[in-house]
Amino acid sequence: HGRAWGYCCACVAVTLLEGGFSCPAMMEASSQDAAIRSICEVSLFTPVSIDIFVFRLWLHGASAQEIVQEQMKKKLFPQGYDVYVRDVLHSPNPMQAVQKMLLHDVKGQIRNFSLLSHYLSDPVQLLSQNTFYLPKETRDLLVEEYYQIDGNVMLEMIGKRFKSSKRKKAIDLLAERLHVPPVLCARQYSNLVVAYKAAQSTGPATVGSAGNALQLDVQQEADELVVERIRKALHVSRALAFDYAKAAFLVIHKFDVGRSSLQALKYKHFDAMAVALIRWCPGVASDPTTALELSLERSFLDSLKALKGILGREALEEYRQHVLRDVGEGKLASKRAKIEKEFIPFVKSLLSVISALEPREFQNFFGVVHDKVREPCKRMDLAKKEAMVLFRLLIAAFHPLALKDCSAAQKSAHAKVWARYLGSLAECLMLLYA
């Protein structure tokens, strides 16, 4: 009766407003009159029941029967249900009856999910729709689940070409190769495109390698963080927005992740290396989530080029003496002879990697680091933790170098650039040890 009365009151209110009902107070100002005549929407629905466990399985392409089977595997799930079905419903086969009830519930959930997916693909519509009454907590949880990144699928999209005329076929082939539903790959691609567009600060640009038909012409506020732009576009949490920023970074620079030397790496490794490399982007002091754009900072690259000219033969020899002194007093004492032999070629290799940071070469960065940093560490017989210790010594020993024709302020600036460079390079090296 209360709901019926509420419905009647709502209808009366809307009828009075649409009929132009007025009173002296309402006629005081035209702006008030316009506000009164605005459309009124009244929701009389209870919140939609959403099972996130079912929703998650459905997103990964599971059928109603498969979802029920997974539910039946839950620990202690049958406890209480079999007693209820046997004693109250008088069913001769309690578990079969439970399974039937579950299947009925799951099919109802899936019907709702199919309708909700239209709104989830465009979070702005999800916020404005009134087909489903979703509490904010439920809505946020659905969006987070819908935009979760599948590492296996995302890895296959880095550096790949997806021409519009053959995109559906390419996605179907990708799904077949990974043994996942095509709808999962299509959703990952669509989500990535939205994040990519939001991350770009200037346009036009293309997704993937050259030749893509998908042209994006996006102008963003230059002073807004990449993470914030993605968060606003997808309406996801800041953490998930940063996950998409890392994915967008890998796609924008078209990294080659298919080399044989990188086959042991998974998406989580490239994701972590993206964090290290984003520290070389504009706006980042230490926190990579503060990046203003996903291209490498030009002034940082210019400073690294200057270092290549400063570290000549005499500087390298002095550098070696400082590092070897620290090596002999620390945890690397047993590797001193090999480090001494390989030191100057190793530092030259570190300097040569700088050339791979140029836009035309950056896509080969991971392979270059493997060949020019990981392999020399192997020749020095350095384990993972020992390589990290060596990089720390390289950073510390740079400060006391007597660099010619450099003022104290210039030396300090060079030391900061070198530390920023080696810090991220060391993080990538640690992941290449996987």
Foldseek 3Di string as FASTA:
>chain_A
DVLVVVVVVVVVQLVCLCVQPDDVVQVPDVVSNVVSNDDDDDASDDADDADVQLVLVVLQPDDLLRSLVVQVPPPPNCVPQLCCCCPPVVDPDRVVVVSVVSSVVSVVNVVVVVVCVVCLLFVVSVVVDDPGDHDPVRSQSSLQSLQDADQQLLVVQQQDAQAPVCNLVVLVVSCVVVVTDSSNSVSNVSLLVLLLLLQDQADFDDWHDPPHPDTHGHHDDQQDFSLVSQCVRSVHDSVSSVLSVLSSLRRRLRADQPDPLNVVDTSVLSSQLSQLQCCQAPQHPPGSRRHSHSAGDPVLLVLLVVVVVQCDDVLQVQLLVQLLVVCCVDDNVVLSVLCSVCVSQLVVLLSVLSVCSPSVNVSHSLVSLCVRPVVSCVSSVADLVRSVVSLVSSLVSQQVGPGPPADNVRSVVSSSSSNSSSVSSSSSSSSSSD
